[in-house]
């Protein structure tokens, strides 16, 4: 479904306001300058109850619950997922067009976008205090094939409208992402915010939002951004990639539930031998008794340790931390 010319005209200044909020929220998450602009309302990506996509994509969706105006859906490219997640976790955000984000990238990206959804709604509430809308629990998944059931649209996205935004982050990212919402969301926004949006000076509005996000640290933020830009312009090898500032707020990650797996070892067996397993069978693993075991968090190897007894349960004493130490220390420092 597409909007009428009058609806497009009425919604554009509202979308431009929201783009300013998106810009500063993303900049605060990655500690870099970011620019997000609203292009236009385009033909919906939804057809016959499925997303119609040209290449593998990533979907983050969250329902609006009070009132129910349908879900907010963001369709991002794999490169967008990787770059944003990597920057948030302290990486340099370098990625090829065909990069495949792993589960950690996906999780961090989805949690970040959920924060962006909520901050956008809060911005609307600040513009009109009597306007209230609740955002429910988000979900995320890959959209991998036009024939795949993963393309099925979320519930209540019956009259989908597509909004095209452009995101640019220095030389790391310059691409289009799509936000799909139900037409009722657009109609509600026009009804409640058209008059407000027509009276707002975008430059002053952007300065106000930047002040809210960075406050007295605006100068410090700009110095960090300039440092990154200088490094990127003078270093083509990637050896001097910018490291995350440990004082940067990663608090939105601290309440995420993660699966922890302790791996004692592995063994390779034929299917025939697996079928012969019975009570009392013994399987030899590829690890010595005195070797440390592996700790996986969300399927990523993060540490090794020794198996110990804690009361009547097994436990793990960490002896070595592996992987993204910057992220690990930032999160553990919040405890």
Protein backbone atom coordinates (compact mmCIF):
# COMPACT_ATOMS: atom_id res chain seq x y z
CA UNK A 1 0.00 0.00 0.00
CA UNK A 2 1.18 3.54 -0.70
CA UNK A 3 0.24 6.92 0.72
CA UNK A 4 -1.74 9.51 -1.20
CA UNK A 5 0.13 12.66 -2.33
CA UNK A 6 -1.58 14.66 0.44
CA UNK A 7 -0.57 12.12 3.09
CA UNK A 8 3.03 12.07 1.82
CA UNK A 9 3.17 15.86 1.97
CA UNK A 10 1.70 15.95 5.48
CA UNK A 11 3.99 13.19 6.81
CA UNK A 12 7.28 14.44 5.35
CA UNK A 13 8.01 17.18 7.96
CA UNK A 14 7.19 14.69 10.73
CA UNK A 15 9.57 12.12 9.23
CA UNK A 16 12.28 14.78 8.98
CA UNK A 17 11.90 15.48 12.70
CA UNK A 18 12.18 11.78 13.48
CA UNK A 19 15.28 11.55 11.30
CA UNK A 20 16.97 14.12 13.55
CA UNK A 21 16.17 11.96 16.58
CA UNK A 22 17.47 8.86 14.81
CA UNK A 23 20.69 10.67 13.87
CA UNK A 24 21.60 11.70 17.41
CA UNK A 25 20.48 8.43 18.99
CA UNK A 26 22.67 6.40 16.63
CA UNK A 27 25.56 8.85 17.09
CA UNK A 28 25.33 8.38 20.86
CA UNK A 29 25.45 4.59 20.48
CA UNK A 30 28.47 4.48 18.16
CA UNK A 31 30.25 7.60 19.52
CA UNK A 32 30.67 8.92 15.99
CA UNK A 33 28.93 11.40 13.77
CA UNK A 34 26.04 9.83 11.89
CA UNK A 35 23.59 11.31 9.44
CA UNK A 36 20.15 9.83 8.86
CA UNK A 37 17.84 11.53 6.39
CA UNK A 38 14.32 10.80 5.27
CA UNK A 39 14.01 10.21 1.53
CA UNK A 40 10.35 9.46 0.89
CA UNK A 41 7.46 7.08 1.35
CA UNK A 42 7.84 4.39 -1.31
CA UNK A 43 6.00 1.32 -2.53
CA UNK A 44 5.62 -1.17 0.30
CA UNK A 45 7.96 -4.17 0.47
CA UNK A 46 5.00 -6.29 1.61
CA UNK A 47 2.97 -8.25 -0.91
CA UNK A 48 0.60 -11.17 -0.30
CA UNK A 49 1.61 -11.37 3.36
CA UNK A 50 5.35 -11.60 2.67
CA UNK A 51 8.28 -9.23 2.41
CA UNK A 52 9.53 -8.82 -1.15
CA UNK A 53 13.30 -8.27 -0.93
CA UNK A 54 16.05 -8.20 -3.55
CA UNK A 55 18.81 -9.60 -1.32
CA UNK A 56 19.24 -11.20 2.08
CA UNK A 57 18.17 -8.76 4.77
CA UNK A 58 17.65 -8.49 8.49
CA UNK A 59 14.36 -7.65 10.19
CA UNK A 60 13.82 -6.04 13.59
CA UNK A 61 10.18 -5.62 14.59
CA UNK A 62 8.41 -4.31 17.69
CA UNK A 63 4.66 -3.98 18.24
CA UNK A 64 2.97 -0.79 19.32
CA UNK A 65 0.69 -1.93 22.11
CA UNK A 66 -1.04 1.11 23.64
CA UNK A 67 -2.69 2.03 21.33
CA UNK A 68 -2.24 -0.72 18.76
CA UNK A 69 -1.02 1.05 15.62
CA UNK A 70 0.64 -2.05 14.22
CA UNK A 71 4.31 -3.05 14.47
CA UNK A 72 7.34 -0.94 13.60
CA UNK A 73 9.59 -2.95 11.29
CA UNK A 74 13.10 -2.07 10.19
CA UNK A 75 14.58 -3.91 7.21
CA UNK A 76 18.37 -3.57 7.15
CA UNK A 77 21.11 -4.99 4.98
CA UNK A 78 23.63 -7.43 6.40
CA UNK A 79 26.31 -4.77 6.01
CA UNK A 80 24.29 -2.28 8.07
CA UNK A 81 23.83 -4.88 10.79
CA UNK A 82 27.52 -5.69 10.96
CA UNK A 83 28.86 -2.13 10.75
CA UNK A 84 26.57 -0.67 13.41
CA UNK A 85 26.98 -3.62 15.79
CA UNK A 86 30.76 -3.62 15.33
CA UNK A 87 31.02 0.11 16.02
CA UNK A 88 28.86 -0.22 19.13
CA UNK A 89 31.13 -3.01 20.40
CA UNK A 90 34.27 -0.96 19.81
CA UNK A 91 35.36 -2.29 16.42
CA UNK A 92 36.31 -0.15 13.44
CA UNK A 93 33.15 -1.00 11.47
CA UNK A 94 34.96 -2.11 8.31
CA UNK A 95 32.87 -4.56 6.31
CA UNK A 96 32.56 -5.84 2.76
CA UNK A 97 29.24 -5.63 0.92
CA UNK A 98 28.72 -9.39 1.31
CA UNK A 99 29.55 -9.58 5.04
CA UNK A 100 27.55 -12.09 7.09
CA UNK A 101 26.81 -10.81 10.62
CA UNK A 102 27.17 -13.48 13.29
CA UNK A 103 24.72 -14.03 16.14
CA UNK A 104 26.44 -11.51 18.39
CA UNK A 105 26.28 -8.83 15.69
CA UNK A 106 22.60 -9.61 15.17
CA UNK A 107 21.78 -9.49 18.87
CA UNK A 108 23.60 -6.20 19.52
CA UNK A 109 22.06 -4.62 16.41
CA UNK A 110 18.55 -5.72 17.37
CA UNK A 111 18.90 -4.49 20.95
CA UNK A 112 20.23 -1.17 19.68
CA UNK A 113 17.38 -0.75 17.20
CA UNK A 114 14.89 -1.51 19.97
CA UNK A 115 16.42 1.39 21.91
CA UNK A 116 16.09 3.55 18.79
CA UNK A 117 12.41 2.60 18.43
CA UNK A 118 11.75 3.57 22.04
CA UNK A 119 13.68 6.84 21.87
CA UNK A 120 11.75 7.82 18.73
CA UNK A 121 8.43 7.23 20.46
CA UNK A 122 9.65 9.15 23.51
CA UNK A 123 10.53 12.05 21.21
CA UNK A 124 6.95 12.14 19.96
CA UNK A 125 5.71 12.15 23.55
CA UNK A 126 7.99 15.11 24.36
CA UNK A 127 6.57 17.01 21.40
CA UNK A 128 3.03 16.31 22.58
CA UNK A 129 2.84 15.27 26.25
CA UNK A 130 -0.72 13.93 25.99
CA UNK A 131 0.32 11.56 23.19
CA UNK A 132 1.21 8.12 24.58
CA UNK A 133 2.32 5.01 22.78
CA UNK A 134 3.88 1.85 24.23
CA UNK A 135 6.40 -0.31 22.38
CA UNK A 136 6.33 -4.05 23.14
CA UNK A 137 9.06 -6.69 23.10
CA UNK A 138 11.04 -6.73 19.87
CA UNK A 139 11.99 -9.71 17.72
CA UNK A 140 14.62 -10.11 15.05
CA UNK A 141 15.31 -12.56 12.26
CA UNK A 142 16.99 -12.97 8.90
CA UNK A 143 15.02 -12.57 5.69
CA UNK A 144 16.85 -15.01 3.48
CA UNK A 145 14.75 -16.16 0.55
CA UNK A 146 11.67 -15.13 -1.35
CA UNK A 147 10.43 -18.71 -0.91
CA UNK A 148 11.28 -18.86 2.78
CA UNK A 149 8.65 -18.63 5.51
CA UNK A 150 11.01 -16.21 7.27
CA UNK A 151 9.60 -13.58 4.94
CA UNK A 152 6.16 -13.75 6.55
CA UNK A 153 5.20 -10.33 7.91
CA UNK A 154 4.46 -9.72 11.60
CA UNK A 155 0.92 -9.68 12.93
CA UNK A 156 -1.15 -6.49 12.41
CA UNK A 157 0.93 -5.23 9.48
CA UNK A 158 -2.12 -5.39 7.25
CA UNK A 159 -1.84 -2.06 5.42
CA UNK A 160 1.90 -1.67 5.23
CA UNK A 161 3.58 1.60 4.26
CA UNK A 162 7.31 1.76 3.47
CA UNK A 163 9.47 4.69 4.55
CA UNK A 164 12.91 5.07 2.99
CA UNK A 165 15.76 6.50 5.05
CA UNK A 166 19.44 6.97 4.22
CA UNK A 167 22.20 6.43 6.76
CA UNK A 168 25.76 7.69 6.40
CA UNK A 169 28.61 7.09 8.85
CA UNK A 170 31.89 8.55 7.52
CA UNK A 171 33.36 6.09 5.03
CA UNK A 172 31.92 3.06 6.84
CA UNK A 173 28.34 3.14 5.67
CA UNK A 174 26.31 4.97 3.06
CA UNK A 175 23.12 3.11 2.23
CA UNK A 176 19.32 2.90 2.38
CA UNK A 177 17.20 1.15 4.98
CA UNK A 178 13.44 0.69 5.05
CA UNK A 179 10.98 1.17 7.89
CA UNK A 180 7.62 -0.55 7.38
CA UNK A 181 4.66 0.58 9.49
CA UNK A 182 0.93 0.12 9.28
CA UNK A 183 -0.96 2.96 7.64
CA UNK A 184 -2.74 3.59 10.95
CA UNK A 185 0.64 4.66 12.40
CA UNK A 186 1.08 7.23 9.64
CA UNK A 187 -2.48 8.49 10.02
CA UNK A 188 -2.03 8.87 13.78
CA UNK A 189 1.25 10.77 13.29
CA UNK A 190 -0.33 13.15 10.77
CA UNK A 191 -3.35 13.76 12.98
CA UNK A 192 -1.30 14.49 16.09
CA UNK A 193 1.89 16.12 14.80
CA UNK A 194 1.28 17.93 11.50
CA UNK A 195 0.64 21.27 13.16
CA UNK A 196 3.51 20.82 15.62
CA UNK A 197 6.00 19.84 12.90
CA UNK A 198 5.07 22.83 10.73
CA UNK A 199 6.18 25.23 13.48
CA UNK A 200 9.55 23.63 14.31
CA UNK A 201 12.86 24.93 13.01
CA UNK A 202 14.86 21.81 12.08
CA UNK A 203 18.26 23.35 12.85
CA UNK A 204 17.20 24.42 16.34
CA UNK A 205 15.44 21.10 16.89
CA UNK A 206 18.60 19.17 15.99
CA UNK A 207 20.70 21.31 18.34
CA UNK A 208 18.25 20.64 21.17
CA UNK A 209 18.40 16.86 20.66
CA UNK A 210 22.19 16.91 20.46
CA UNK A 211 22.28 18.82 23.75
CA UNK A 212 20.03 16.17 25.35
CA UNK A 213 22.24 13.29 24.22
CA UNK A 214 25.69 14.81 24.72
CA UNK A 215 25.08 17.71 27.12
CA UNK A 216 28.32 19.10 28.52
CA UNK A 217 30.22 16.32 26.72
CA UNK A 218 29.52 17.74 23.24
CA UNK A 219 33.06 19.07 22.93
CA UNK A 220 34.51 15.77 24.16
CA UNK A 221 32.32 13.89 21.68
CA UNK A 222 33.45 16.07 18.77
CA UNK A 223 37.11 15.60 19.77
CA UNK A 224 36.61 11.82 19.75
CA UNK A 225 34.91 12.03 16.35
CA UNK A 226 37.76 14.14 14.95
CA UNK A 227 40.28 11.64 16.31
CA UNK A 228 38.47 8.83 14.50
CA UNK A 229 38.33 10.81 11.27
CA UNK A 230 42.04 11.61 11.45
CA UNK A 231 42.88 7.95 12.02
CA UNK A 232 40.68 6.82 9.15
CA UNK A 233 42.07 9.41 6.75
CA UNK A 234 45.70 8.58 7.57
CA UNK A 235 45.50 4.83 8.07
CA UNK A 236 44.51 2.51 5.25
CA UNK A 237 45.83 -0.65 6.89
CA UNK A 238 43.31 -0.73 9.72
CA UNK A 239 46.12 -1.27 12.25
CA UNK A 240 45.15 1.83 14.24
CA UNK A 241 41.43 1.10 14.45
CA UNK A 242 39.62 3.24 16.99
CA UNK A 243 39.05 1.56 20.33
CA UNK A 244 35.87 2.08 22.31
CA UNK A 245 35.89 4.60 25.14
CA UNK A 246 35.18 2.62 28.32
CA UNK A 247 33.23 5.57 29.70
CA UNK A 248 30.77 5.31 26.81
CA UNK A 249 27.31 4.14 27.86
CA UNK A 250 26.72 0.48 27.00
CA UNK A 251 24.07 0.18 29.70
CA UNK A 252 21.39 -0.90 27.26
CA UNK A 253 23.20 -4.23 26.91
CA UNK A 254 23.36 -5.13 30.59
CA UNK A 255 19.87 -6.66 30.92
CA UNK A 256 20.10 -8.90 27.85
CA UNK A 257 19.63 -12.61 28.61
CA UNK A 258 22.34 -14.76 27.05
CA UNK A 259 22.85 -18.50 26.72
CA UNK A 260 26.07 -19.70 28.39
CA UNK A 261 27.48 -23.06 27.29
CA UNK A 262 30.45 -24.82 28.87
CA UNK A 263 32.09 -27.24 26.44
CA UNK A 264 34.09 -30.08 27.97
CA UNK A 265 35.24 -31.37 24.60
CA UNK A 266 34.15 -32.79 21.28
CA UNK A 267 34.16 -36.10 19.48
CA UNK A 268 33.51 -37.13 15.89
CA UNK A 269 31.47 -40.30 15.36
CA UNK A 270 29.81 -42.04 12.47
CA UNK A 271 26.05 -42.25 12.49
CA UNK A 272 26.35 -46.02 12.85
CA UNK A 273 28.29 -45.67 16.10
CA UNK A 274 25.89 -43.05 17.43
CA UNK A 275 23.05 -45.51 16.91
CA UNK A 276 24.95 -48.05 19.01
CA UNK A 277 25.10 -45.79 22.07
CA UNK A 278 23.34 -47.19 25.12
CA UNK A 279 23.22 -46.66 28.85
CA UNK A 280 26.77 -47.05 30.18
CA UNK A 281 28.48 -46.20 26.86
CA UNK A 282 31.62 -44.07 27.16
CA UNK A 283 32.61 -41.39 24.62
CA UNK A 284 36.21 -40.21 24.43
CA UNK A 285 36.52 -36.45 23.96
CA UNK A 286 39.31 -34.57 22.21
CA UNK A 287 40.50 -32.90 25.41
CA UNK A 288 42.74 -34.00 28.27
CA UNK A 289 41.38 -34.10 31.83
CA UNK A 290 43.69 -31.29 32.97
CA UNK A 291 42.95 -28.95 30.05
CA UNK A 292 40.70 -25.89 30.54
CA UNK A 293 37.16 -26.05 29.19
CA UNK A 294 35.56 -23.48 26.87
CA UNK A 295 32.86 -20.98 27.81
CA UNK A 296 30.59 -19.83 24.98
CA UNK A 297 28.28 -16.84 25.31
CA UNK A 298 25.63 -16.66 22.60
CA UNK A 299 27.68 -19.19 20.62
CA UNK A 300 30.82 -17.04 20.81
CA UNK A 301 33.94 -18.31 22.61
CA UNK A 302 34.66 -15.71 25.31
CA UNK A 303 36.63 -17.50 28.04
CA UNK A 304 38.26 -20.68 29.32
CA UNK A 305 38.29 -22.07 32.82
CA UNK A 306 38.38 -24.93 35.29
CA UNK A 307 35.38 -27.02 36.32
CA UNK A 308 34.72 -26.72 40.05
CA UNK A 309 32.00 -27.77 42.49
CA UNK A 310 29.67 -25.12 43.91
CA UNK A 311 27.51 -26.71 46.60
CA UNK A 312 25.81 -29.59 44.78
CA UNK A 313 26.30 -28.15 41.30
CA UNK A 314 29.09 -27.89 38.78
CA UNK A 315 30.62 -24.45 38.29
CA UNK A 316 33.30 -22.79 36.19
CA UNK A 317 36.27 -20.79 37.46
CA UNK A 318 37.40 -18.38 34.71
CA UNK A 319 41.13 -18.56 34.04
CA UNK A 320 41.38 -16.83 30.65
CA UNK A 321 39.26 -14.24 28.82
CA UNK A 322 39.20 -14.45 25.03
CA UNK A 323 37.80 -12.26 22.26
CA UNK A 324 36.54 -8.69 22.51
CA UNK A 325 38.09 -7.70 25.82
CA UNK A 326 36.97 -4.08 25.46
CA UNK A 327 33.32 -5.11 25.34
CA UNK A 328 33.74 -7.71 28.09
CA UNK A 329 35.32 -5.20 30.48
CA UNK A 330 32.76 -2.52 29.67
CA UNK A 331 29.84 -4.79 30.44
CA UNK A 332 31.33 -6.42 33.54
CA UNK A 333 32.17 -2.98 34.93
CA UNK A 334 28.42 -2.28 35.12
CA UNK A 335 27.78 -5.02 37.66
